[in-house]
């Protein structure tokens, strides 16, 4: 046997000993996209942990801010991705109060318009299931006393009125609602809030809200949470 023939024979033996590789090694776990403001950024790691091994969870590094910002950036965030489910949690920045006028950043009319445009944009190019989270409550006294705000920057009366619009528009658009507000009330706001500002989530709040989000996502995708 020549040296070349010997090398060829060895290579064949090595090839036969290698384990078979599936023709399609693509990860078949569903892809979940989390969009939202700082509240989403608070709980997203808990969602990842709860869905580990069952779903791939992706979210933008940046804060998705409010409905208009989210609407404007949807295509960029979803580009080259084919999510099975999109969970959206924006509102609290829509109702952020202007220090001079004491009025929300976006009027109810503008908020509704942005929501409808967002849902319409997601209804065409993607087959993903869409879940919209009803915003969590706020604590006005904690905001006023906080070192970071030193004033009331969000009011519960606005949370309630904007949430009502969100429920109506989501229903009309056949979008699933994840009522984080009701969940927070039932769990006890003191377990959810970060005591320093009355808006962001405490470590226990991140876990509770994150697990709630994961359960709703798992139910929608028919997977075990």
N, C-alpha and C. Protein backbone atom coordinates (compact mmCIF):
# COMPACT_ATOMS: atom_id res chain seq x y z
N UNK A 1 0.85 -1.20 0.00
CA UNK A 1 0.00 0.00 0.00
C UNK A 1 0.89 1.25 0.00
N UNK A 2 0.59 2.18 -0.91
CA UNK A 2 1.37 3.42 -0.97
C UNK A 2 1.02 4.31 0.21
N UNK A 3 1.88 5.33 0.44
CA UNK A 3 1.62 6.28 1.54
C UNK A 3 0.30 6.99 1.33
N UNK A 4 0.02 7.38 0.06
CA UNK A 4 -1.25 8.08 -0.23
C UNK A 4 -2.44 7.19 0.06
N UNK A 5 -2.37 5.92 -0.35
CA UNK A 5 -3.47 4.98 -0.10
C UNK A 5 -3.67 4.75 1.38
N UNK A 6 -2.56 4.68 2.10
CA UNK A 6 -2.64 4.47 3.55
C UNK A 6 -3.33 5.65 4.25
N UNK A 7 -2.98 6.86 3.85
CA UNK A 7 -3.62 8.05 4.43
C UNK A 7 -5.10 8.08 4.12
N UNK A 8 -5.46 7.70 2.88
CA UNK A 8 -6.88 7.69 2.49
C UNK A 8 -7.65 6.70 3.34
N UNK A 9 -7.03 5.53 3.57
CA UNK A 9 -7.68 4.49 4.37
C UNK A 9 -7.91 4.95 5.81
N UNK A 10 -6.91 5.65 6.38
CA UNK A 10 -7.03 6.17 7.75
C UNK A 10 -8.14 7.19 7.85
N UNK A 11 -8.21 8.08 6.86
CA UNK A 11 -9.25 9.11 6.86
C UNK A 11 -10.64 8.50 6.78
N UNK A 12 -10.79 7.43 5.99
CA UNK A 12 -12.08 6.74 5.89
C UNK A 12 -12.47 6.16 7.24
N UNK A 13 -11.50 5.54 7.92
CA UNK A 13 -11.78 4.96 9.23
C UNK A 13 -12.20 6.02 10.24
N UNK A 14 -11.50 7.17 10.21
CA UNK A 14 -11.84 8.27 11.11
C UNK A 14 -13.25 8.75 10.84
N UNK A 15 -13.59 8.89 9.54
CA UNK A 15 -14.92 9.35 9.17
C UNK A 15 -16.00 8.41 9.64
N UNK A 16 -15.71 7.08 9.54
CA UNK A 16 -16.70 6.11 9.98
C UNK A 16 -16.91 6.12 11.48
N UNK A 17 -15.87 6.53 12.22
CA UNK A 17 -15.95 6.52 13.68
C UNK A 17 -16.62 7.76 14.25
N UNK A 18 -16.76 8.81 13.44
CA UNK A 18 -17.38 10.04 13.94
C UNK A 18 -18.87 9.85 14.12
N UNK A 19 -19.48 10.46 15.14
CA UNK A 19 -20.93 10.33 15.34
C UNK A 19 -21.68 11.03 14.22
N UNK A 20 -22.82 10.48 13.89
CA UNK A 20 -23.64 11.07 12.83
C UNK A 20 -24.15 12.43 13.26
N UNK A 21 -24.16 13.38 12.32
CA UNK A 21 -24.66 14.73 12.59
C UNK A 21 -25.99 14.90 11.89
N UNK A 22 -26.97 15.38 12.61
CA UNK A 22 -28.29 15.58 12.01
C UNK A 22 -28.18 16.58 10.87
N UNK A 23 -28.97 16.34 9.83
CA UNK A 23 -28.94 17.21 8.66
C UNK A 23 -29.39 18.61 9.03
N UNK A 24 -30.32 18.71 9.96
CA UNK A 24 -30.81 20.02 10.38
C UNK A 24 -30.57 20.17 11.87
N UNK A 25 -29.54 20.92 12.25
CA UNK A 25 -29.20 21.06 13.66
C UNK A 25 -29.77 22.34 14.25
N UNK A 26 -30.72 22.97 13.57
CA UNK A 26 -31.31 24.23 14.03
C UNK A 26 -32.03 24.03 15.36
N UNK A 27 -31.86 24.97 16.25
CA UNK A 27 -32.53 24.93 17.54
C UNK A 27 -34.03 24.99 17.30
N UNK A 28 -34.75 23.97 17.76
CA UNK A 28 -36.19 23.93 17.51
C UNK A 28 -37.00 24.52 18.66
N UNK A 29 -36.32 25.15 19.63
CA UNK A 29 -37.07 25.82 20.69
C UNK A 29 -37.74 27.07 20.13
N UNK A 30 -38.95 27.42 20.61
CA UNK A 30 -39.61 28.64 20.13
C UNK A 30 -38.81 29.87 20.53
N UNK A 31 -38.83 30.88 19.66
CA UNK A 31 -38.14 32.13 19.93
C UNK A 31 -39.13 33.14 20.50
N UNK A 32 -38.81 33.66 21.68
CA UNK A 32 -39.64 34.66 22.35
C UNK A 32 -38.88 35.99 22.35
N UNK A 33 -39.56 37.05 21.93
CA UNK A 33 -38.97 38.39 21.95
C UNK A 33 -39.68 39.22 23.03
N UNK A 34 -38.90 39.76 23.95
CA UNK A 34 -39.43 40.63 25.00
C UNK A 34 -39.13 42.08 24.63
N UNK A 35 -40.17 42.88 24.47
CA UNK A 35 -40.01 44.31 24.21
C UNK A 35 -40.61 45.08 25.38
N UNK A 36 -40.02 46.21 25.72
CA UNK A 36 -40.61 46.98 26.81
C UNK A 36 -39.65 47.96 27.44
N UNK A 37 -40.18 48.70 28.39
CA UNK A 37 -39.44 49.75 29.07
C UNK A 37 -38.55 49.17 30.18
N UNK A 38 -38.20 50.00 31.16
CA UNK A 38 -37.30 49.55 32.22
C UNK A 38 -37.92 48.45 33.08
N UNK A 39 -39.24 48.39 33.16
CA UNK A 39 -39.88 47.31 33.91
C UNK A 39 -39.55 45.97 33.25
N UNK A 40 -39.64 45.93 31.93
CA UNK A 40 -39.25 44.72 31.20
C UNK A 40 -37.78 44.38 31.47
N UNK A 41 -36.95 45.41 31.49
CA UNK A 41 -35.53 45.19 31.73
C UNK A 41 -35.29 44.67 33.15
N UNK A 42 -36.17 45.05 34.08
CA UNK A 42 -36.08 44.55 35.46
C UNK A 42 -36.29 43.03 35.50
N UNK A 43 -37.34 42.55 34.83
CA UNK A 43 -37.75 41.15 35.02
C UNK A 43 -37.29 40.18 33.93
N UNK A 44 -36.64 40.66 32.87
CA UNK A 44 -36.35 39.79 31.74
C UNK A 44 -35.44 38.60 32.10
N UNK A 45 -34.50 38.79 33.02
CA UNK A 45 -33.63 37.69 33.40
C UNK A 45 -34.42 36.58 34.09
N UNK A 46 -35.41 36.97 34.88
CA UNK A 46 -36.25 35.96 35.54
C UNK A 46 -37.06 35.18 34.52
N UNK A 47 -37.48 35.84 33.44
CA UNK A 47 -38.20 35.14 32.37
C UNK A 47 -37.28 34.14 31.70
N UNK A 48 -36.05 34.56 31.41
CA UNK A 48 -35.08 33.66 30.78
C UNK A 48 -34.84 32.42 31.65
N UNK A 49 -34.70 32.65 32.94
CA UNK A 49 -34.43 31.54 33.85
C UNK A 49 -35.63 30.59 33.92
N UNK A 50 -36.83 31.15 33.93
CA UNK A 50 -38.03 30.32 34.03
C UNK A 50 -38.26 29.50 32.75
N UNK A 51 -37.82 30.02 31.61
CA UNK A 51 -38.05 29.34 30.33
C UNK A 51 -36.78 28.65 29.81
N UNK A 52 -35.76 28.58 30.61
CA UNK A 52 -34.49 27.97 30.20
C UNK A 52 -34.71 26.54 29.71
N UNK A 53 -34.17 26.24 28.52
CA UNK A 53 -34.29 24.91 27.95
C UNK A 53 -35.60 24.68 27.22
N UNK A 54 -36.55 25.61 27.37
CA UNK A 54 -37.87 25.44 26.74
C UNK A 54 -38.14 26.46 25.65
N UNK A 55 -37.52 27.63 25.78
CA UNK A 55 -37.68 28.68 24.78
C UNK A 55 -36.43 29.55 24.76
N UNK A 56 -36.11 30.05 23.59
CA UNK A 56 -35.03 31.03 23.47
C UNK A 56 -35.64 32.41 23.69
N UNK A 57 -35.07 33.18 24.58
CA UNK A 57 -35.62 34.51 24.91
C UNK A 57 -34.63 35.58 24.47
N UNK A 58 -35.10 36.50 23.63
CA UNK A 58 -34.27 37.60 23.15
C UNK A 58 -34.95 38.93 23.46
N UNK A 59 -34.15 39.94 23.76
CA UNK A 59 -34.69 41.28 23.98
C UNK A 59 -33.64 42.31 23.58
N UNK A 60 -34.07 43.50 23.17
CA UNK A 60 -33.09 44.54 22.81
C UNK A 60 -32.29 44.97 24.05
N UNK A 61 -31.06 45.39 23.83
CA UNK A 61 -30.26 45.89 24.94
C UNK A 61 -30.78 47.22 25.44
N UNK A 62 -31.36 48.01 24.51
CA UNK A 62 -31.83 49.32 24.89
C UNK A 62 -33.23 49.29 25.49
N UNK A 63 -33.54 50.32 26.24
CA UNK A 63 -34.88 50.54 26.78
C UNK A 63 -35.81 50.86 25.63
N UNK A 64 -36.94 50.15 25.54
CA UNK A 64 -37.89 50.40 24.44
C UNK A 64 -38.77 51.62 24.70
N UNK A 65 -38.57 52.26 25.84
CA UNK A 65 -39.16 53.54 26.20
C UNK A 65 -40.69 53.54 26.18
N UNK A 66 -41.29 54.07 25.12
CA UNK A 66 -42.75 54.24 25.08
C UNK A 66 -43.32 53.71 23.76
N UNK A 67 -44.62 53.84 23.57
CA UNK A 67 -45.27 53.24 22.39
C UNK A 67 -44.75 53.80 21.07
N UNK A 68 -44.47 55.10 21.00
CA UNK A 68 -44.01 55.67 19.74
C UNK A 68 -42.60 55.17 19.41
N UNK A 69 -41.72 55.14 20.40
CA UNK A 69 -40.36 54.65 20.20
C UNK A 69 -40.38 53.17 19.79
N UNK A 70 -41.23 52.39 20.44
CA UNK A 70 -41.35 50.97 20.12
C UNK A 70 -41.86 50.79 18.70
N UNK A 71 -42.87 51.54 18.33
CA UNK A 71 -43.43 51.48 16.98
C UNK A 71 -42.36 51.79 15.93
N UNK A 72 -41.57 52.83 16.18
CA UNK A 72 -40.55 53.27 15.22
C UNK A 72 -39.41 52.26 15.08
N UNK A 73 -39.19 51.44 16.10
CA UNK A 73 -38.03 50.53 16.09
C UNK A 73 -38.39 49.06 15.91
N UNK A 74 -39.66 48.76 15.75
CA UNK A 74 -40.10 47.36 15.62
C UNK A 74 -39.35 46.62 14.52
N UNK A 75 -39.32 47.21 13.34
CA UNK A 75 -38.72 46.53 12.20
C UNK A 75 -37.24 46.23 12.43
N UNK A 76 -36.54 47.18 13.03
CA UNK A 76 -35.13 46.96 13.31
C UNK A 76 -34.89 45.85 14.30
N UNK A 77 -35.71 45.80 15.35
CA UNK A 77 -35.55 44.77 16.37
C UNK A 77 -35.90 43.38 15.84
N UNK A 78 -36.88 43.31 14.95
CA UNK A 78 -37.34 42.01 14.45
C UNK A 78 -36.65 41.59 13.17
N UNK A 79 -35.83 42.47 12.61
CA UNK A 79 -35.15 42.16 11.35
C UNK A 79 -34.29 40.91 11.52
N UNK A 80 -34.41 40.02 10.55
CA UNK A 80 -33.66 38.74 10.52
C UNK A 80 -34.06 37.79 11.65
N UNK A 81 -35.15 38.10 12.33
CA UNK A 81 -35.65 37.20 13.36
C UNK A 81 -37.06 36.73 12.99
N UNK A 82 -37.38 35.52 13.38
CA UNK A 82 -38.72 34.98 13.14
C UNK A 82 -39.28 34.49 14.47
N UNK A 83 -39.70 35.41 15.32
CA UNK A 83 -40.17 35.02 16.65
C UNK A 83 -41.48 34.24 16.60
N UNK A 84 -41.63 33.34 17.53
CA UNK A 84 -42.90 32.62 17.68
C UNK A 84 -43.85 33.42 18.55
N UNK A 85 -43.28 34.27 19.40
CA UNK A 85 -44.12 35.08 20.30
C UNK A 85 -43.40 36.38 20.64
N UNK A 86 -44.17 37.47 20.71
CA UNK A 86 -43.65 38.78 21.09
C UNK A 86 -44.44 39.28 22.28
N UNK A 87 -43.74 39.59 23.36
CA UNK A 87 -44.38 40.10 24.58
C UNK A 87 -43.97 41.56 24.73
N UNK A 88 -44.97 42.47 24.78
CA UNK A 88 -44.70 43.91 24.81
C UNK A 88 -45.18 44.51 26.12
N UNK A 89 -44.31 45.31 26.74
CA UNK A 89 -44.64 45.93 28.03
C UNK A 89 -44.20 47.40 28.01
N UNK A 90 -45.01 48.25 27.38
CA UNK A 90 -44.74 49.69 27.37
C UNK A 90 -46.01 50.46 27.73
N UNK A 91 -45.82 51.52 28.51
CA UNK A 91 -46.88 52.46 28.85
C UNK A 91 -46.38 53.51 29.84
N UNK A 92 -45.61 53.04 30.82
CA UNK A 92 -45.24 53.95 31.91
C UNK A 92 -44.48 55.18 31.43
N UNK A 93 -43.76 55.07 30.33
CA UNK A 93 -43.10 56.26 29.79
C UNK A 93 -44.07 57.11 28.98
N UNK A 94 -45.14 56.51 28.50
CA UNK A 94 -46.18 57.29 27.81
C UNK A 94 -46.85 58.25 28.78
N UNK A 95 -46.97 57.82 30.04
CA UNK A 95 -47.68 58.64 31.02
C UNK A 95 -46.73 59.46 31.90
N UNK A 96 -45.44 59.46 31.54
CA UNK A 96 -44.47 60.26 32.30
C UNK A 96 -44.87 61.73 32.27
N UNK A 97 -44.93 62.37 33.43
CA UNK A 97 -45.44 63.73 33.54
C UNK A 97 -44.38 64.78 33.24
N UNK A 98 -44.75 65.72 32.38
CA UNK A 98 -43.89 66.86 32.10
C UNK A 98 -43.79 67.72 33.35
N UNK A 99 -42.58 68.10 33.74
CA UNK A 99 -42.37 68.85 34.98
C UNK A 99 -43.06 70.21 34.95
N UNK A 100 -43.22 70.79 33.77
CA UNK A 100 -43.82 72.12 33.67
C UNK A 100 -45.33 72.08 33.51
N UNK A 101 -45.82 71.14 32.71
CA UNK A 101 -47.26 71.11 32.43
C UNK A 101 -48.02 70.11 33.31
N UNK A 102 -47.29 69.16 33.93
CA UNK A 102 -47.89 68.09 34.74
C UNK A 102 -48.82 67.22 33.89
N UNK A 103 -48.54 67.13 32.59
CA UNK A 103 -49.35 66.30 31.70
C UNK A 103 -48.49 65.15 31.16
N UNK A 104 -49.14 64.01 30.83
CA UNK A 104 -48.38 62.86 30.31
C UNK A 104 -47.68 63.18 29.00
N UNK A 105 -46.60 62.46 28.74
CA UNK A 105 -45.83 62.63 27.51
C UNK A 105 -46.73 62.46 26.29
N UNK A 106 -47.56 61.42 26.28
CA UNK A 106 -48.47 61.16 25.17
C UNK A 106 -49.92 61.23 25.67
N UNK A 107 -50.77 61.89 24.93
CA UNK A 107 -52.18 61.94 25.29
C UNK A 107 -52.80 60.56 25.11
N UNK A 108 -53.97 60.37 25.67
CA UNK A 108 -54.67 59.10 25.48
C UNK A 108 -54.90 58.81 24.00
N UNK A 109 -55.25 59.85 23.26
CA UNK A 109 -55.49 59.70 21.82
C UNK A 109 -54.23 59.23 21.10
N UNK A 110 -53.09 59.86 21.43
CA UNK A 110 -51.83 59.48 20.79
C UNK A 110 -51.42 58.06 21.20
N UNK A 111 -51.65 57.73 22.47
CA UNK A 111 -51.33 56.39 22.97
C UNK A 111 -52.13 55.33 22.22
N UNK A 112 -53.43 55.57 22.06
CA UNK A 112 -54.27 54.62 21.34
C UNK A 112 -53.83 54.50 19.88
N UNK A 113 -53.51 55.61 19.26
CA UNK A 113 -53.06 55.59 17.86
C UNK A 113 -51.79 54.76 17.72
N UNK A 114 -50.85 54.96 18.64
CA UNK A 114 -49.59 54.21 18.60
C UNK A 114 -49.81 52.72 18.80
N UNK A 115 -50.69 52.37 19.74
CA UNK A 115 -50.99 50.95 19.98
C UNK A 115 -51.58 50.29 18.75
N UNK A 116 -52.56 50.95 18.14
CA UNK A 116 -53.20 50.39 16.95
C UNK A 116 -52.18 50.20 15.83
N UNK A 117 -51.33 51.19 15.63
CA UNK A 117 -50.31 51.11 14.58
C UNK A 117 -49.33 49.97 14.87
N UNK A 118 -48.98 49.81 16.14
CA UNK A 118 -48.06 48.75 16.54
C UNK A 118 -48.66 47.38 16.27
N UNK A 119 -49.89 47.18 16.69
CA UNK A 119 -50.55 45.89 16.48
C UNK A 119 -50.76 45.61 14.99
N UNK A 120 -51.11 46.64 14.23
CA UNK A 120 -51.30 46.47 12.79
C UNK A 120 -50.00 46.09 12.11
N UNK A 121 -48.90 46.70 12.54
CA UNK A 121 -47.60 46.40 11.95
C UNK A 121 -47.19 44.96 12.23
N UNK A 122 -47.56 44.45 13.38
CA UNK A 122 -47.20 43.08 13.75
C UNK A 122 -48.14 42.05 13.13
N UNK A 123 -49.27 42.50 12.62
CA UNK A 123 -50.27 41.60 12.09
C UNK A 123 -49.94 41.10 10.69
N UNK A 124 -49.02 41.77 10.01
CA UNK A 124 -48.75 41.41 8.63
C UNK A 124 -47.52 40.55 8.42
N UNK A 125 -46.32 41.12 8.61
CA UNK A 125 -45.10 40.42 8.23
C UNK A 125 -44.70 39.26 9.13
N UNK A 126 -45.26 39.16 10.31
CA UNK A 126 -44.88 38.09 11.22
C UNK A 126 -46.09 37.26 11.62
N UNK A 127 -45.85 35.98 11.83
CA UNK A 127 -46.91 35.09 12.29
C UNK A 127 -46.83 34.88 13.79
N UNK A 128 -46.03 35.68 14.45
CA UNK A 128 -45.83 35.53 15.89
C UNK A 128 -47.10 35.84 16.67
N UNK A 129 -47.29 35.11 17.75
CA UNK A 129 -48.34 35.44 18.70
C UNK A 129 -47.90 36.70 19.45
N UNK A 130 -48.85 37.57 19.74
CA UNK A 130 -48.52 38.84 20.40
C UNK A 130 -49.24 38.92 21.74
N UNK A 131 -48.49 39.29 22.79
CA UNK A 131 -49.06 39.51 24.12
C UNK A 131 -48.72 40.94 24.53
N UNK A 132 -49.72 41.66 25.03
CA UNK A 132 -49.47 43.01 25.52
C UNK A 132 -49.69 43.03 27.03
N UNK A 133 -48.70 43.53 27.76
CA UNK A 133 -48.78 43.58 29.22
C UNK A 133 -49.46 44.85 29.71
N UNK A 134 -50.44 44.68 30.55
CA UNK A 134 -51.10 45.82 31.19
C UNK A 134 -50.17 46.36 32.28
N UNK A 135 -49.90 47.67 32.23
CA UNK A 135 -48.86 48.27 33.07
C UNK A 135 -49.11 48.11 34.57
N UNK A 136 -48.01 47.94 35.29
CA UNK A 136 -48.05 47.85 36.74
C UNK A 136 -48.41 49.21 37.35
N UNK A 137 -48.90 49.16 38.58
CA UNK A 137 -49.28 50.39 39.30
C UNK A 137 -48.03 51.12 39.76
N UNK A 138 -48.23 52.33 40.30
CA UNK A 138 -47.12 53.13 40.82
C UNK A 138 -47.48 53.63 42.22
N UNK A 139 -46.49 54.09 42.94
CA UNK A 139 -46.71 54.65 44.27
C UNK A 139 -46.29 56.12 44.25
N UNK A 140 -47.26 57.01 44.32
CA UNK A 140 -46.98 58.44 44.17
C UNK A 140 -46.21 59.01 45.36
N UNK A 141 -46.49 58.54 46.56
CA UNK A 141 -45.78 59.04 47.75
C UNK A 141 -44.29 58.67 47.70
N UNK A 142 -44.00 57.44 47.29
CA UNK A 142 -42.61 57.02 47.20
C UNK A 142 -41.86 57.81 46.12
N UNK A 143 -42.55 58.12 45.03
CA UNK A 143 -41.92 58.93 43.98
C UNK A 143 -41.53 60.30 44.52
N UNK A 144 -42.47 60.93 45.20
CA UNK A 144 -42.24 62.28 45.72
C UNK A 144 -41.10 62.31 46.74
N UNK A 145 -40.96 61.23 47.48
CA UNK A 145 -39.93 61.18 48.52
C UNK A 145 -38.60 60.63 48.01
N UNK A 146 -38.56 60.14 46.78
CA UNK A 146 -37.35 59.49 46.27
C UNK A 146 -36.26 60.50 45.94
N UNK A 147 -35.02 60.05 46.04
CA UNK A 147 -33.88 60.90 45.71
C UNK A 147 -33.74 61.07 44.21
N UNK A 148 -34.21 60.07 43.44
CA UNK A 148 -34.06 60.12 42.00
C UNK A 148 -35.10 61.03 41.33
N UNK A 149 -36.36 60.99 41.78
CA UNK A 149 -37.42 61.79 41.14
C UNK A 149 -37.69 63.11 41.88
N UNK A 150 -37.86 63.01 43.18
CA UNK A 150 -38.18 64.16 44.02
C UNK A 150 -39.48 64.85 43.62
N UNK A 151 -40.31 64.13 42.90
CA UNK A 151 -41.64 64.64 42.53
C UNK A 151 -42.45 63.46 42.01
N UNK A 152 -43.74 63.65 41.85
CA UNK A 152 -44.58 62.60 41.26
C UNK A 152 -44.40 62.66 39.74
N UNK A 153 -43.93 61.57 39.17
CA UNK A 153 -43.69 61.54 37.72
C UNK A 153 -44.70 60.66 36.98
N UNK A 154 -45.46 59.87 37.74
CA UNK A 154 -46.52 59.05 37.15
C UNK A 154 -47.64 58.93 38.16
N UNK A 155 -48.87 59.03 37.69
CA UNK A 155 -50.02 58.95 38.58
C UNK A 155 -50.86 57.71 38.27
N UNK A 156 -51.42 57.13 39.33
CA UNK A 156 -52.24 55.93 39.14
C UNK A 156 -53.51 56.19 38.35
N UNK A 157 -54.03 57.41 38.41
CA UNK A 157 -55.23 57.70 37.62
C UNK A 157 -54.93 57.56 36.12
N UNK A 158 -53.70 57.91 35.74
CA UNK A 158 -53.31 57.75 34.34
C UNK A 158 -53.03 56.28 34.02
N UNK A 159 -52.43 55.56 34.96
CA UNK A 159 -52.22 54.13 34.77
C UNK A 159 -53.56 53.46 34.48
N UNK A 160 -54.58 53.81 35.25
CA UNK A 160 -55.89 53.18 35.08
C UNK A 160 -56.53 53.55 33.74
N UNK A 161 -56.49 54.82 33.37
CA UNK A 161 -57.15 55.24 32.13
C UNK A 161 -56.42 54.71 30.89
N UNK A 162 -55.10 54.71 30.92
CA UNK A 162 -54.34 54.20 29.77
C UNK A 162 -54.45 52.68 29.69
N UNK A 163 -54.50 52.01 30.84
CA UNK A 163 -54.70 50.56 30.84
C UNK A 163 -56.05 50.18 30.25
N UNK A 164 -57.06 50.99 30.53
CA UNK A 164 -58.39 50.72 29.99
C UNK A 164 -58.36 50.78 28.46
N UNK A 165 -57.64 51.77 27.93
CA UNK A 165 -57.51 51.89 26.47
C UNK A 165 -56.75 50.68 25.93
N UNK A 166 -55.68 50.29 26.62
CA UNK A 166 -54.88 49.14 26.17
C UNK A 166 -55.72 47.87 26.11
N UNK A 167 -56.56 47.65 27.13
CA UNK A 167 -57.41 46.45 27.13
C UNK A 167 -58.36 46.47 25.94
N UNK A 168 -58.97 47.62 25.70
CA UNK A 168 -59.94 47.73 24.60
C UNK A 168 -59.27 47.53 23.24
N UNK A 169 -58.16 48.20 23.01
CA UNK A 169 -57.48 48.11 21.72
C UNK A 169 -56.93 46.70 21.51
N UNK A 170 -56.39 46.09 22.55
CA UNK A 170 -55.87 44.73 22.43
C UNK A 170 -56.99 43.75 22.08
N UNK A 171 -58.14 43.92 22.72
CA UNK A 171 -59.28 43.04 22.43
C UNK A 171 -59.73 43.21 20.98
N UNK A 172 -59.85 44.46 20.53
CA UNK A 172 -60.27 44.72 19.15
C UNK A 172 -59.25 44.20 18.14
N UNK A 173 -57.99 44.19 18.53
CA UNK A 173 -56.92 43.73 17.64
C UNK A 173 -56.62 42.24 17.82
N UNK A 174 -57.38 41.57 18.68
CA UNK A 174 -57.22 40.15 18.97
C UNK A 174 -55.82 39.83 19.49
N UNK A 175 -55.35 40.71 20.37
CA UNK A 175 -54.05 40.54 21.01
C UNK A 175 -54.27 40.08 22.45
N UNK A 176 -53.54 39.07 22.88
CA UNK A 176 -53.66 38.55 24.25
C UNK A 176 -53.16 39.58 25.26
N UNK A 177 -53.87 39.71 26.36
CA UNK A 177 -53.50 40.64 27.42
C UNK A 177 -52.88 39.89 28.59
N UNK A 178 -51.78 40.42 29.10
CA UNK A 178 -51.16 39.91 30.33
C UNK A 178 -51.35 40.99 31.38
N UNK A 179 -52.28 40.79 32.29
CA UNK A 179 -52.66 41.84 33.24
C UNK A 179 -51.70 41.86 34.43
N UNK A 180 -50.57 42.52 34.24
CA UNK A 180 -49.58 42.63 35.32
C UNK A 180 -50.07 43.54 36.44
N UNK A 181 -50.97 44.46 36.10
CA UNK A 181 -51.50 45.37 37.11
C UNK A 181 -52.33 44.59 38.14
N UNK A 182 -53.25 43.76 37.66
CA UNK A 182 -54.07 42.97 38.57
C UNK A 182 -53.20 41.99 39.36
N UNK A 183 -52.20 41.42 38.70
CA UNK A 183 -51.30 40.49 39.39
C UNK A 183 -50.57 41.20 40.53
N UNK A 184 -50.12 42.42 40.26
CA UNK A 184 -49.41 43.19 41.29
C UNK A 184 -50.31 43.48 42.48
N UNK A 185 -51.55 43.87 42.21
CA UNK A 185 -52.50 44.18 43.28
C UNK A 185 -52.74 42.95 44.15
N UNK A 186 -52.93 41.79 43.49
CA UNK A 186 -53.20 40.55 44.22
C UNK A 186 -51.98 40.06 45.01
N UNK A 187 -50.80 40.24 44.43
CA UNK A 187 -49.59 39.78 45.10
C UNK A 187 -49.20 40.69 46.26
N UNK A 188 -49.58 41.98 46.14
CA UNK A 188 -49.22 42.97 47.16
C UNK A 188 -48.13 43.87 46.63
N UNK A 189 -48.47 45.15 46.36
CA UNK A 189 -47.47 46.08 45.82
C UNK A 189 -46.18 46.15 46.63
N UNK A 190 -46.29 45.96 47.96
CA UNK A 190 -45.09 46.03 48.81
C UNK A 190 -44.09 44.93 48.48
N UNK A 191 -44.55 43.85 47.85
CA UNK A 191 -43.66 42.77 47.43
C UNK A 191 -43.05 43.04 46.06
N UNK A 192 -43.62 43.99 45.35
CA UNK A 192 -43.23 44.24 43.96
C UNK A 192 -42.35 45.47 43.80
N UNK A 193 -42.73 46.57 44.46
CA UNK A 193 -42.01 47.84 44.30
C UNK A 193 -40.61 47.82 44.87
N UNK A 194 -39.74 48.56 44.24
CA UNK A 194 -38.47 48.93 44.86
C UNK A 194 -38.79 50.08 45.81
N UNK A 195 -38.53 49.98 47.08
CA UNK A 195 -38.96 50.98 48.06
C UNK A 195 -38.34 52.36 47.89
N UNK A 196 -37.37 52.47 46.99
CA UNK A 196 -36.69 53.76 46.82
C UNK A 196 -37.36 54.69 45.82
N UNK A 197 -38.28 54.16 44.99
CA UNK A 197 -38.89 55.05 43.99
C UNK A 197 -40.36 54.80 43.69
N UNK A 198 -40.91 53.65 44.06
CA UNK A 198 -42.33 53.39 43.84
C UNK A 198 -42.71 53.10 42.41
N UNK A 199 -41.74 52.74 41.57
CA UNK A 199 -42.03 52.42 40.16
C UNK A 199 -41.31 51.14 39.74
N UNK A 200 -39.97 51.15 39.90
CA UNK A 200 -39.17 50.00 39.48
C UNK A 200 -39.42 48.80 40.41
N UNK A 201 -38.98 47.62 39.95
CA UNK A 201 -39.24 46.40 40.69
C UNK A 201 -38.11 46.05 41.66
N UNK A 202 -38.49 45.55 42.81
CA UNK A 202 -37.53 45.05 43.79
C UNK A 202 -37.03 43.68 43.30
N UNK A 203 -35.99 43.11 43.92
CA UNK A 203 -35.55 41.77 43.53
C UNK A 203 -36.68 40.73 43.59
N UNK A 204 -37.49 40.79 44.65
CA UNK A 204 -38.61 39.85 44.74
C UNK A 204 -39.67 40.17 43.69
N UNK A 205 -39.84 41.46 43.39
CA UNK A 205 -40.77 41.86 42.34
C UNK A 205 -40.35 41.37 40.97
N UNK A 206 -39.04 41.43 40.69
CA UNK A 206 -38.51 40.92 39.42
C UNK A 206 -38.84 39.44 39.27
N UNK A 207 -38.67 38.71 40.37
CA UNK A 207 -38.93 37.27 40.33
C UNK A 207 -40.42 36.98 40.15
N UNK A 208 -41.26 37.67 40.91
CA UNK A 208 -42.70 37.43 40.84
C UNK A 208 -43.26 37.81 39.47
N UNK A 209 -42.92 39.01 39.01
CA UNK A 209 -43.44 39.47 37.72
C UNK A 209 -42.84 38.64 36.58
N UNK A 210 -41.53 38.35 36.68
CA UNK A 210 -40.88 37.55 35.64
C UNK A 210 -41.49 36.17 35.51
N UNK A 211 -41.79 35.53 36.62
CA UNK A 211 -42.41 34.22 36.59
C UNK A 211 -43.83 34.29 36.03
N UNK A 212 -44.54 35.38 36.35
CA UNK A 212 -45.88 35.56 35.80
C UNK A 212 -45.81 35.70 34.28
N UNK A 213 -44.89 36.52 33.80
CA UNK A 213 -44.72 36.69 32.35
C UNK A 213 -44.38 35.35 31.70
N UNK A 214 -43.47 34.61 32.32
CA UNK A 214 -43.07 33.30 31.77
C UNK A 214 -44.25 32.34 31.70
N UNK A 215 -45.11 32.35 32.70
CA UNK A 215 -46.27 31.44 32.70
C UNK A 215 -47.23 31.79 31.57
N UNK A 216 -47.47 33.09 31.37
CA UNK A 216 -48.38 33.51 30.30
C UNK A 216 -47.79 33.13 28.94
N UNK A 217 -46.50 33.35 28.76
CA UNK A 217 -45.83 32.99 27.51
C UNK A 217 -45.90 31.48 27.27
N UNK A 218 -45.59 30.71 28.30
CA UNK A 218 -45.61 29.25 28.19
C UNK A 218 -47.00 28.74 27.83
N UNK A 219 -48.02 29.33 28.44
CA UNK A 219 -49.40 28.93 28.15
C UNK A 219 -49.74 29.22 26.70
N UNK A 220 -49.33 30.39 26.21
CA UNK A 220 -49.64 30.78 24.83
C UNK A 220 -48.92 29.88 23.83
N UNK A 221 -47.73 29.41 24.19
CA UNK A 221 -46.95 28.55 23.30
C UNK A 221 -47.21 27.06 23.55
N UNK A 222 -48.06 26.77 24.54
CA UNK A 222 -48.39 25.38 24.90
C UNK A 222 -47.15 24.59 25.29
N UNK A 223 -46.30 25.21 26.13
CA UNK A 223 -45.14 24.52 26.67
C UNK A 223 -45.21 24.55 28.18
N UNK A 224 -44.50 23.65 28.83
CA UNK A 224 -44.51 23.62 30.29
C UNK A 224 -43.58 24.68 30.83
N UNK A 225 -44.08 25.58 31.75
CA UNK A 225 -43.24 26.65 32.31
C UNK A 225 -42.20 26.08 33.26
